[in-house]
Amino acid sequence: MIKFLKTNFELIFWIAALIALGVSNPAAGPQYSLCPFKAMGITWCPGCGIGHAISWLLHGNIAKSWQAHWLGVPALLIIGYRIYVLGRSLFVGKQAYNFE
């Protein structure tokens, strides 16, 4: 079981992250922030809002997602593709990092 978790950590992480964003309420105010810029007192950050944007997308509100951060759509597509590649490697046995 531990070997499975270590081998598939990235896949489990991305799926758990999307589930967490899907069940969270994007309209709620920020409770905490993992942003190192905010921790240092810097008010502008290029990445802040992507989590809210993805959450709005998962709730079906594209306009609010775009307002939160314009990279929300591409980020969700990239994460979805990465989940697909890692899942395929798990079930089909292909190397996840084989870019041939």
PDB file of N, CA and C in Angstrom:
ATOM      1  N   MET A   1       0.820  -1.194   0.000  1.00  0.00           N
ATOM      2  CA  MET A   1       0.000   0.000   0.000  1.00  0.00           C
ATOM      3  C   MET A   1       0.871   1.269   0.000  1.00  0.00           C
ATOM      4  N   ILE A   2       1.909   1.278   0.818  1.00  0.00           N
ATOM      5  CA  ILE A   2       2.812   2.432   0.879  1.00  0.00           C
ATOM      6  C   ILE A   2       3.507   2.621  -0.460  1.00  0.00           C
ATOM      7  N   LYS A   3       3.926   1.516  -1.083  1.00  0.00           N
ATOM      8  CA  LYS A   3       4.593   1.607  -2.384  1.00  0.00           C
ATOM      9  C   LYS A   3       3.640   2.195  -3.429  1.00  0.00           C
ATOM     10  N   PHE A   4       2.379   1.780  -3.396  1.00  0.00           N
ATOM     11  CA  PHE A   4       1.383   2.312  -4.324  1.00  0.00           C
ATOM     12  C   PHE A   4       1.226   3.820  -4.136  1.00  0.00           C
ATOM     13  N   LEU A   5       1.156   4.262  -2.877  1.00  0.00           N
ATOM     14  CA  LEU A   5       1.008   5.694  -2.601  1.00  0.00           C
ATOM     15  C   LEU A   5       2.228   6.477  -3.057  1.00  0.00           C
ATOM     16  N   LYS A   6       3.416   5.935  -2.825  1.00  0.00           N
ATOM     17  CA  LYS A   6       4.636   6.621  -3.258  1.00  0.00           C
ATOM     18  C   LYS A   6       4.726   6.676  -4.776  1.00  0.00           C
ATOM     19  N   THR A   7       4.389   5.583  -5.420  1.00  0.00           N
ATOM     20  CA  THR A   7       4.481   5.509  -6.875  1.00  0.00           C
ATOM     21  C   THR A   7       3.470   6.422  -7.554  1.00  0.00           C
ATOM     22  N   ASN A   8       2.302   6.568  -6.970  1.00  0.00           N
ATOM     23  CA  ASN A   8       1.215   7.318  -7.593  1.00  0.00           C
ATOM     24  C   ASN A   8       0.866   8.593  -6.843  1.00  0.00           C
ATOM     25  N   PHE A   9       1.833   9.165  -6.137  1.00  0.00           N
ATOM     26  CA  PHE A   9       1.571  10.350  -5.325  1.00  0.00           C
ATOM     27  C   PHE A   9       1.040  11.520  -6.161  1.00  0.00           C
ATOM     28  N   GLU A  10       1.640  11.777  -7.299  1.00  0.00           N
ATOM     29  CA  GLU A  10       1.221  12.920  -8.112  1.00  0.00           C
ATOM     30  C   GLU A  10      -0.217  12.760  -8.591  1.00  0.00           C
ATOM     31  N   LEU A  11      -0.562  11.569  -9.037  1.00  0.00           N
ATOM     32  CA  LEU A  11      -1.929  11.299  -9.493  1.00  0.00           C
ATOM     33  C   LEU A  11      -2.921  11.514  -8.356  1.00  0.00           C
ATOM     34  N   ILE A  12      -2.619  10.955  -7.198  1.00  0.00           N
ATOM     35  CA  ILE A  12      -3.501  11.094  -6.032  1.00  0.00           C
ATOM     36  C   ILE A  12      -3.615  12.557  -5.625  1.00  0.00           C
ATOM     37  N   PHE A  13      -2.496  13.280  -5.656  1.00  0.00           N
ATOM     38  CA  PHE A  13      -2.484  14.691  -5.278  1.00  0.00           C
ATOM     39  C   PHE A  13      -3.395  15.518  -6.180  1.00  0.00           C
ATOM     40  N   TRP A  14      -3.252  15.366  -7.503  1.00  0.00           N
ATOM     41  CA  TRP A  14      -4.054  16.175  -8.428  1.00  0.00           C
ATOM     42  C   TRP A  14      -5.540  15.846  -8.325  1.00  0.00           C
ATOM     43  N   ILE A  15      -5.871  14.572  -8.187  1.00  0.00           N
ATOM     44  CA  ILE A  15      -7.281  14.193  -8.052  1.00  0.00           C
ATOM     45  C   ILE A  15      -7.853  14.762  -6.758  1.00  0.00           C
ATOM     46  N   ALA A  16      -7.109  14.639  -5.660  1.00  0.00           N
ATOM     47  CA  ALA A  16      -7.567  15.180  -4.375  1.00  0.00           C
ATOM     48  C   ALA A  16      -7.716  16.697  -4.430  1.00  0.00           C
ATOM     49  N   ALA A  17      -6.782  17.369  -5.104  1.00  0.00           N
ATOM     50  CA  ALA A  17      -6.852  18.826  -5.221  1.00  0.00           C
ATOM     51  C   ALA A  17      -8.101  19.256  -5.988  1.00  0.00           C
ATOM     52  N   LEU A  18      -8.402  18.569  -7.091  1.00  0.00           N
ATOM     53  CA  LEU A  18      -9.591  18.923  -7.869  1.00  0.00           C
ATOM     54  C   LEU A  18     -10.876  18.609  -7.110  1.00  0.00           C
ATOM     55  N   ILE A  19     -10.868  17.514  -6.352  1.00  0.00           N
ATOM     56  CA  ILE A  19     -12.044  17.203  -5.526  1.00  0.00           C
ATOM     57  C   ILE A  19     -12.236  18.285  -4.469  1.00  0.00           C
ATOM     58  N   ALA A  20     -11.133  18.699  -3.815  1.00  0.00           N
ATOM     59  CA  ALA A  20     -11.223  19.751  -2.795  1.00  0.00           C
ATOM     60  C   ALA A  20     -11.736  21.052  -3.389  1.00  0.00           C
ATOM     61  N   LEU A  21     -11.262  21.413  -4.580  1.00  0.00           N
ATOM     62  CA  LEU A  21     -11.741  22.636  -5.229  1.00  0.00           C
ATOM     63  C   LEU A  21     -13.190  22.498  -5.686  1.00  0.00           C
ATOM     64  N   GLY A  22     -13.579  21.279  -6.043  1.00  0.00           N
ATOM     65  CA  GLY A  22     -14.946  21.044  -6.494  1.00  0.00           C
ATOM     66  C   GLY A  22     -15.969  21.110  -5.376  1.00  0.00           C
ATOM     67  N   VAL A  23     -15.591  20.722  -4.178  1.00  0.00           N
ATOM     68  CA  VAL A  23     -16.546  20.728  -3.065  1.00  0.00           C
ATOM     69  C   VAL A  23     -16.468  22.010  -2.242  1.00  0.00           C
ATOM     70  N   SER A  24     -15.445  22.833  -2.496  1.00  0.00           N
ATOM     71  CA  SER A  24     -15.334  24.091  -1.750  1.00  0.00           C
ATOM     72  C   SER A  24     -16.282  25.133  -2.324  1.00  0.00           C
ATOM     73  N   ASN A  25     -16.561  26.129  -1.524  1.00  0.00           N
ATOM     74  CA  ASN A  25     -17.427  27.224  -1.953  1.00  0.00           C
ATOM     75  C   ASN A  25     -16.546  28.375  -2.427  1.00  0.00           C
ATOM     76  N   PRO A  26     -16.463  28.614  -3.738  1.00  0.00           N
ATOM     77  CA  PRO A  26     -15.594  29.676  -4.229  1.00  0.00           C
ATOM     78  C   PRO A  26     -16.071  31.079  -3.867  1.00  0.00           C
ATOM     79  N   ALA A  27     -17.343  31.221  -3.483  1.00  0.00           N
ATOM     80  CA  ALA A  27     -17.879  32.529  -3.119  1.00  0.00           C
ATOM     81  C   ALA A  27     -17.502  32.924  -1.697  1.00  0.00           C
ATOM     82  N   ALA A  28     -17.072  31.952  -0.899  1.00  0.00           N
ATOM     83  CA  ALA A  28     -16.674  32.253   0.475  1.00  0.00           C
ATOM     84  C   ALA A  28     -15.374  33.043   0.465  1.00  0.00           C
ATOM     85  N   GLY A  29     -15.212  33.882   1.430  1.00  0.00           N
ATOM     86  CA  GLY A  29     -13.985  34.672   1.541  1.00  0.00           C
ATOM     87  C   GLY A  29     -12.794  33.771   1.823  1.00  0.00           C
ATOM     88  N   PRO A  30     -11.614  34.269   1.519  1.00  0.00           N
ATOM     89  CA  PRO A  30     -10.415  33.452   1.752  1.00  0.00           C
ATOM     90  C   PRO A  30     -10.200  33.194   3.244  1.00  0.00           C
ATOM     91  N   GLN A  31     -10.021  31.943   3.593  1.00  0.00           N
ATOM     92  CA  GLN A  31      -9.797  31.568   4.985  1.00  0.00           C
ATOM     93  C   GLN A  31      -8.312  31.589   5.317  1.00  0.00           C
ATOM     94  N   TYR A  32      -7.520  31.132   4.392  1.00  0.00           N
ATOM     95  CA  TYR A  32      -6.075  31.052   4.565  1.00  0.00           C
ATOM     96  C   TYR A  32      -5.439  31.143   3.190  1.00  0.00           C
ATOM     97  N   SER A  33      -4.155  31.344   3.176  1.00  0.00           N
ATOM     98  CA  SER A  33      -3.460  31.431   1.901  1.00  0.00           C
ATOM     99  C   SER A  33      -2.127  30.712   2.005  1.00  0.00           C
ATOM    100  N   LEU A  34      -1.803  29.964   0.970  1.00  0.00           N
ATOM    101  CA  LEU A  34      -0.506  29.306   0.896  1.00  0.00           C
ATOM    102  C   LEU A  34       0.490  30.150   0.107  1.00  0.00           C
ATOM    103  N   CYS A  35       0.089  31.349  -0.258  1.00  0.00           N
ATOM    104  CA  CYS A  35       0.906  32.213  -1.106  1.00  0.00           C
ATOM    105  C   CYS A  35       2.080  32.796  -0.312  1.00  0.00           C
ATOM    106  N   PRO A  36       3.314  32.550  -0.768  1.00  0.00           N
ATOM    107  CA  PRO A  36       4.457  33.133  -0.055  1.00  0.00           C
ATOM    108  C   PRO A  36       4.525  34.657  -0.204  1.00  0.00           C
ATOM    109  N   PHE A  37       3.998  35.197  -1.310  1.00  0.00           N
ATOM    110  CA  PHE A  37       3.988  36.651  -1.483  1.00  0.00           C
ATOM    111  C   PHE A  37       3.088  37.325  -0.451  1.00  0.00           C
ATOM    112  N   LYS A  38       1.891  36.748  -0.229  1.00  0.00           N
ATOM    113  CA  LYS A  38       0.992  37.302   0.782  1.00  0.00           C
ATOM    114  C   LYS A  38       1.608  37.204   2.169  1.00  0.00           C
ATOM    115  N   ALA A  39       2.323  36.111   2.424  1.00  0.00           N
ATOM    116  CA  ALA A  39       2.974  35.936   3.720  1.00  0.00           C
ATOM    117  C   ALA A  39       4.044  37.004   3.950  1.00  0.00           C
ATOM    118  N   MET A  40       4.659  37.480   2.861  1.00  0.00           N
ATOM    119  CA  MET A  40       5.687  38.524   2.975  1.00  0.00           C
ATOM    120  C   MET A  40       5.091  39.923   2.922  1.00  0.00           C
ATOM    121  N   GLY A  41       3.774  40.040   2.751  1.00  0.00           N
ATOM    122  CA  GLY A  41       3.120  41.338   2.738  1.00  0.00           C
ATOM    123  C   GLY A  41       3.005  41.964   1.354  1.00  0.00           C
ATOM    124  N   ILE A  42       3.385  41.218   0.307  1.00  0.00           N
ATOM    125  CA  ILE A  42       3.269  41.725  -1.063  1.00  0.00           C
ATOM    126  C   ILE A  42       1.831  41.509  -1.518  1.00  0.00           C
ATOM    127  N   THR A  43       1.201  42.559  -2.023  1.00  0.00           N
ATOM    128  CA  THR A  43      -0.228  42.460  -2.343  1.00  0.00           C
ATOM    129  C   THR A  43      -0.507  41.858  -3.713  1.00  0.00           C
ATOM    130  N   TRP A  44       0.458  41.928  -4.645  1.00  0.00           N
ATOM    131  CA  TRP A  44       0.204  41.400  -5.985  1.00  0.00           C
ATOM    132  C   TRP A  44       0.931  40.074  -6.158  1.00  0.00           C
ATOM    133  N   CYS A  45       0.253  39.099  -6.698  1.00  0.00           N
ATOM    134  CA  CYS A  45       0.842  37.789  -6.962  1.00  0.00           C
ATOM    135  C   CYS A  45       0.277  37.279  -8.284  1.00  0.00           C
ATOM    136  N   PRO A  46       1.129  36.782  -9.185  1.00  0.00           N
ATOM    137  CA  PRO A  46       0.631  36.309 -10.475  1.00  0.00           C
ATOM    138  C   PRO A  46      -0.212  35.038 -10.375  1.00  0.00           C
ATOM    139  N   GLY A  47      -0.098  34.303  -9.286  1.00  0.00           N
ATOM    140  CA  GLY A  47      -0.826  33.044  -9.181  1.00  0.00           C
ATOM    141  C   GLY A  47      -2.070  33.094  -8.316  1.00  0.00           C
ATOM    142  N   CYS A  48      -2.203  34.145  -7.507  1.00  0.00           N
ATOM    143  CA  CYS A  48      -3.360  34.222  -6.617  1.00  0.00           C
ATOM    144  C   CYS A  48      -4.652  34.300  -7.433  1.00  0.00           C
ATOM    145  N   GLY A  49      -5.601  33.484  -7.079  1.00  0.00           N
ATOM    146  CA  GLY A  49      -6.886  33.456  -7.775  1.00  0.00           C
ATOM    147  C   GLY A  49      -7.066  32.247  -8.667  1.00  0.00           C
ATOM    148  N   ILE A  50      -5.986  31.513  -8.954  1.00  0.00           N
ATOM    149  CA  ILE A  50      -6.131  30.344  -9.830  1.00  0.00           C
ATOM    150  C   ILE A  50      -6.992  29.270  -9.161  1.00  0.00           C
ATOM    151  N   GLY A  51      -6.809  29.079  -7.862  1.00  0.00           N
ATOM    152  CA  GLY A  51      -7.640  28.103  -7.144  1.00  0.00           C
ATOM    153  C   GLY A  51      -9.113  28.471  -7.202  1.00  0.00           C
ATOM    154  N   HIS A  52      -9.414  29.751  -6.976  1.00  0.00           N
ATOM    155  CA  HIS A  52     -10.797  30.206  -7.076  1.00  0.00           C
ATOM    156  C   HIS A  52     -11.313  30.046  -8.512  1.00  0.00           C
ATOM    157  N   ALA A  53     -10.465  30.351  -9.492  1.00  0.00           N
ATOM    158  CA  ALA A  53     -10.885  30.228 -10.891  1.00  0.00           C
ATOM    159  C   ALA A  53     -11.235  28.781 -11.232  1.00  0.00           C
ATOM    160  N   ILE A  54     -10.405  27.842 -10.791  1.00  0.00           N
ATOM    161  CA  ILE A  54     -10.681  26.424 -11.056  1.00  0.00           C
ATOM    162  C   ILE A  54     -11.948  25.992 -10.320  1.00  0.00           C
ATOM    163  N   SER A  55     -12.110  26.453  -9.087  1.00  0.00           N
ATOM    164  CA  SER A  55     -13.313  26.107  -8.328  1.00  0.00           C
ATOM    165  C   SER A  55     -14.566  26.639  -9.015  1.00  0.00           C
ATOM    166  N   TRP A  56     -14.511  27.894  -9.491  1.00  0.00           N
ATOM    167  CA  TRP A  56     -15.661  28.440 -10.223  1.00  0.00           C
ATOM    168  C   TRP A  56     -15.947  27.615 -11.475  1.00  0.00           C
ATOM    169  N   LEU A  57     -14.888  27.200 -12.174  1.00  0.00           N
ATOM    170  CA  LEU A  57     -15.085  26.366 -13.368  1.00  0.00           C
ATOM    171  C   LEU A  57     -15.769  25.051 -13.017  1.00  0.00           C
ATOM    172  N   LEU A  58     -15.317  24.424 -11.944  1.00  0.00           N
ATOM    173  CA  LEU A  58     -15.909  23.150 -11.535  1.00  0.00           C
ATOM    174  C   LEU A  58     -17.349  23.314 -11.077  1.00  0.00           C
ATOM    175  N   HIS A  59     -17.717  24.524 -10.695  1.00  0.00           N
ATOM    176  CA  HIS A  59     -19.108  24.815 -10.344  1.00  0.00           C
ATOM    177  C   HIS A  59     -19.908  25.326 -11.537  1.00  0.00           C
ATOM    178  N   GLY A  60     -19.257  25.421 -12.706  1.00  0.00           N
ATOM    179  CA  GLY A  60     -19.956  25.772 -13.940  1.00  0.00           C
ATOM    180  C   GLY A  60     -20.083  27.249 -14.230  1.00  0.00           C
ATOM    181  N   ASN A  61     -19.359  28.099 -13.522  1.00  0.00           N
ATOM    182  CA  ASN A  61     -19.469  29.539 -13.741  1.00  0.00           C
ATOM    183  C   ASN A  61     -18.199  30.059 -14.416  1.00  0.00           C
ATOM    184  N   ILE A  62     -18.228  30.128 -15.734  1.00  0.00           N
ATOM    185  CA  ILE A  62     -17.048  30.519 -16.512  1.00  0.00           C
ATOM    186  C   ILE A  62     -16.747  32.007 -16.337  1.00  0.00           C
ATOM    187  N   ALA A  63     -17.764  32.843 -16.258  1.00  0.00           N
ATOM    188  CA  ALA A  63     -17.545  34.287 -16.116  1.00  0.00           C
ATOM    189  C   ALA A  63     -16.823  34.607 -14.806  1.00  0.00           C
ATOM    190  N   LYS A  64     -17.279  34.031 -13.702  1.00  0.00           N
ATOM    191  CA  LYS A  64     -16.629  34.259 -12.406  1.00  0.00           C
ATOM    192  C   LYS A  64     -15.218  33.683 -12.413  1.00  0.00           C
ATOM    193  N   SER A  65     -15.040  32.559 -13.094  1.00  0.00           N
ATOM    194  CA  SER A  65     -13.721  31.962 -13.200  1.00  0.00           C
ATOM    195  C   SER A  65     -12.762  32.914 -13.896  1.00  0.00           C
ATOM    196  N   TRP A  66     -13.202  33.511 -14.980  1.00  0.00           N
ATOM    197  CA  TRP A  66     -12.370  34.448 -15.737  1.00  0.00           C
ATOM    198  C   TRP A  66     -12.034  35.674 -14.890  1.00  0.00           C
ATOM    199  N   GLN A  67     -12.997  36.131 -14.071  1.00  0.00           N
ATOM    200  CA  GLN A  67     -12.755  37.274 -13.195  1.00  0.00           C
ATOM    201  C   GLN A  67     -11.735  36.945 -12.112  1.00  0.00           C
ATOM    202  N   ALA A  68     -11.766  35.707 -11.624  1.00  0.00           N
ATOM    203  CA  ALA A  68     -10.824  35.307 -10.571  1.00  0.00           C
ATOM    204  C   ALA A  68      -9.397  35.230 -11.111  1.00  0.00           C
ATOM    205  N   HIS A  69      -9.229  34.591 -12.257  1.00  0.00           N
ATOM    206  CA  HIS A  69      -7.904  34.510 -12.899  1.00  0.00           C
ATOM    207  C   HIS A  69      -8.083  33.944 -14.285  1.00  0.00           C
ATOM    208  N   TRP A  70      -7.492  34.602 -15.259  1.00  0.00           N
ATOM    209  CA  TRP A  70      -7.667  34.175 -16.652  1.00  0.00           C
ATOM    210  C   TRP A  70      -6.929  32.876 -16.967  1.00  0.00           C
ATOM    211  N   LEU A  71      -6.021  32.438 -16.131  1.00  0.00           N
ATOM    212  CA  LEU A  71      -5.323  31.167 -16.372  1.00  0.00           C
ATOM    213  C   LEU A  71      -6.048  29.959 -15.769  1.00  0.00           C
ATOM    214  N   GLY A  72      -7.235  30.168 -15.217  1.00  0.00           N
ATOM    215  CA  GLY A  72      -7.977  29.060 -14.619  1.00  0.00           C
ATOM    216  C   GLY A  72      -8.335  27.974 -15.624  1.00  0.00           C
ATOM    217  N   VAL A  73      -8.805  28.371 -16.801  1.00  0.00           N
ATOM    218  CA  VAL A  73      -9.187  27.397 -17.838  1.00  0.00           C
ATOM    219  C   VAL A  73      -7.978  26.606 -18.321  1.00  0.00           C
ATOM    220  N   PRO A  74      -6.878  27.271 -18.722  1.00  0.00           N
ATOM    221  CA  PRO A  74      -5.715  26.489 -19.144  1.00  0.00           C
ATOM    222  C   PRO A  74      -5.153  25.612 -18.021  1.00  0.00           C
ATOM    223  N   ALA A  75      -5.173  26.122 -16.793  1.00  0.00           N
ATOM    224  CA  ALA A  75      -4.657  25.335 -15.668  1.00  0.00           C
ATOM    225  C   ALA A  75      -5.475  24.061 -15.476  1.00  0.00           C
ATOM    226  N   LEU A  76      -6.790  24.183 -15.546  1.00  0.00           N
ATOM    227  CA  LEU A  76      -7.651  23.004 -15.393  1.00  0.00           C
ATOM    228  C   LEU A  76      -7.424  22.014 -16.530  1.00  0.00           C
ATOM    229  N   LEU A  77      -7.257  22.507 -17.733  1.00  0.00           N
ATOM    230  CA  LEU A  77      -6.986  21.621 -18.875  1.00  0.00           C
ATOM    231  C   LEU A  77      -5.649  20.900 -18.707  1.00  0.00           C
ATOM    232  N   ILE A  78      -4.635  21.614 -18.271  1.00  0.00           N
ATOM    233  CA  ILE A  78      -3.315  20.997 -18.076  1.00  0.00           C
ATOM    234  C   ILE A  78      -3.362  19.970 -16.963  1.00  0.00           C
ATOM    235  N   ILE A  79      -4.007  20.299 -15.855  1.00  0.00           N
ATOM    236  CA  ILE A  79      -4.117  19.343 -14.746  1.00  0.00           C
ATOM    237  C   ILE A  79      -4.929  18.126 -15.185  1.00  0.00           C
ATOM    238  N   GLY A  80      -6.013  18.363 -15.923  1.00  0.00           N
ATOM    239  CA  GLY A  80      -6.813  17.238 -16.429  1.00  0.00           C
ATOM    240  C   GLY A  80      -6.010  16.331 -17.343  1.00  0.00           C
ATOM    241  N   TYR A  81      -5.207  16.933 -18.215  1.00  0.00           N
ATOM    242  CA  TYR A  81      -4.367  16.132 -19.106  1.00  0.00           C
ATOM    243  C   TYR A  81      -3.327  15.339 -18.307  1.00  0.00           C
ATOM    244  N   ARG A  82      -2.761  15.973 -17.288  1.00  0.00           N
ATOM    245  CA  ARG A  82      -1.760  15.277 -16.465  1.00  0.00           C
ATOM    246  C   ARG A  82      -2.395  14.101 -15.728  1.00  0.00           C
ATOM    247  N   ILE A  83      -3.598  14.274 -15.231  1.00  0.00           N
ATOM    248  CA  ILE A  83      -4.309  13.171 -14.580  1.00  0.00           C
ATOM    249  C   ILE A  83      -4.542  12.046 -15.580  1.00  0.00           C
ATOM    250  N   TYR A  84      -4.918  12.399 -16.807  1.00  0.00           N
ATOM    251  CA  TYR A  84      -5.135  11.396 -17.852  1.00  0.00           C
ATOM    252  C   TYR A  84      -3.852  10.610 -18.129  1.00  0.00           C
ATOM    253  N   VAL A  85      -2.728  11.312 -18.280  1.00  0.00           N
ATOM    254  CA  VAL A  85      -1.451  10.650 -18.586  1.00  0.00           C
ATOM    255  C   VAL A  85      -1.039   9.736 -17.431  1.00  0.00           C
ATOM    256  N   LEU A  86      -1.136  10.227 -16.202  1.00  0.00           N
ATOM    257  CA  LEU A  86      -0.748   9.417 -15.055  1.00  0.00           C
ATOM    258  C   LEU A  86      -1.691   8.229 -14.864  1.00  0.00           C
ATOM    259  N   GLY A  87      -2.993   8.456 -15.077  1.00  0.00           N
ATOM    260  CA  GLY A  87      -3.962   7.365 -14.955  1.00  0.00           C
ATOM    261  C   GLY A  87      -3.761   6.308 -16.020  1.00  0.00           C
ATOM    262  N   ARG A  88      -3.475   6.757 -17.234  1.00  0.00           N
ATOM    263  CA  ARG A  88      -3.206   5.807 -18.315  1.00  0.00           C
ATOM    264  C   ARG A  88      -1.973   4.969 -18.003  1.00  0.00           C
ATOM    265  N   SER A  89      -0.937   5.610 -17.463  1.00  0.00           N
ATOM    266  CA  SER A  89       0.280   4.863 -17.133  1.00  0.00           C
ATOM    267  C   SER A  89       0.014   3.854 -16.018  1.00  0.00           C
ATOM    268  N   LEU A  90      -0.895   4.184 -15.121  1.00  0.00           N
ATOM    269  CA  LEU A  90      -1.230   3.272 -14.037  1.00  0.00           C
ATOM    270  C   LEU A  90      -1.982   2.053 -14.552  1.00  0.00           C
ATOM    271  N   PHE A  91      -2.950   2.278 -15.435  1.00  0.00           N
ATOM    272  CA  PHE A  91      -3.802   1.180 -15.885  1.00  0.00           C
ATOM    273  C   PHE A  91      -3.290   0.456 -17.120  1.00  0.00           C
ATOM    274  N   VAL A  92      -2.536   1.144 -17.971  1.00  0.00           N
ATOM    275  CA  VAL A  92      -2.058   0.530 -19.188  1.00  0.00           C
ATOM    276  C   VAL A  92      -0.610   0.074 -19.040  1.00  0.00           C
ATOM    277  N   GLY A  93       0.103   0.689 -18.097  1.00  0.00           N
ATOM    278  CA  GLY A  93       1.488   0.304 -17.855  1.00  0.00           C
ATOM    279  C   GLY A  93       2.493   1.082 -18.666  1.00  0.00           C
ATOM    280  N   LYS A  94       2.066   2.171 -19.287  1.00  0.00           N
ATOM    281  CA  LYS A  94       2.989   3.022 -20.044  1.00  0.00           C
ATOM    282  C   LYS A  94       3.769   3.907 -19.072  1.00  0.00           C
ATOM    283  N   GLN A  95       4.948   4.313 -19.475  1.00  0.00           N
ATOM    284  CA  GLN A  95       5.750   5.220 -18.666  1.00  0.00           C
ATOM    285  C   GLN A  95       5.142   6.618 -18.720  1.00  0.00           C
ATOM    286  N   ALA A  96       4.862   7.221 -17.560  1.00  0.00           N
ATOM    287  CA  ALA A  96       4.194   8.519 -17.507  1.00  0.00           C
ATOM    288  C   ALA A  96       5.067   9.629 -18.058  1.00  0.00           C
ATOM    289  N   TYR A  97       6.356   9.467 -18.034  1.00  0.00           N
ATOM    290  CA  TYR A  97       7.259  10.522 -18.479  1.00  0.00           C
ATOM    291  C   TYR A  97       7.839  10.249 -19.834  1.00  0.00           C
ATOM    292  N   ASN A  98       7.274   9.322 -20.587  1.00  0.00           N
ATOM    293  CA  ASN A  98       7.744   8.999 -21.911  1.00  0.00           C
ATOM    294  C   ASN A  98       7.067   9.943 -22.902  1.00  0.00           C
ATOM    295  N   PHE A  99       7.812  10.908 -23.423  1.00  0.00           N
ATOM    296  CA  PHE A  99       7.246  11.916 -24.318  1.00  0.00           C
ATOM    297  C   PHE A  99       7.490  11.583 -25.785  1.00  0.00           C
ATOM    298  N   GLU A 100       7.530  10.335 -26.137  1.00  0.00           N
ATOM    299  CA  GLU A 100       7.775   9.937 -27.536  1.00  0.00           C
ATOM    300  C   GLU A 100       6.546  10.145 -28.379  1.00  0.00           C
TER     301      GLU A 100
END
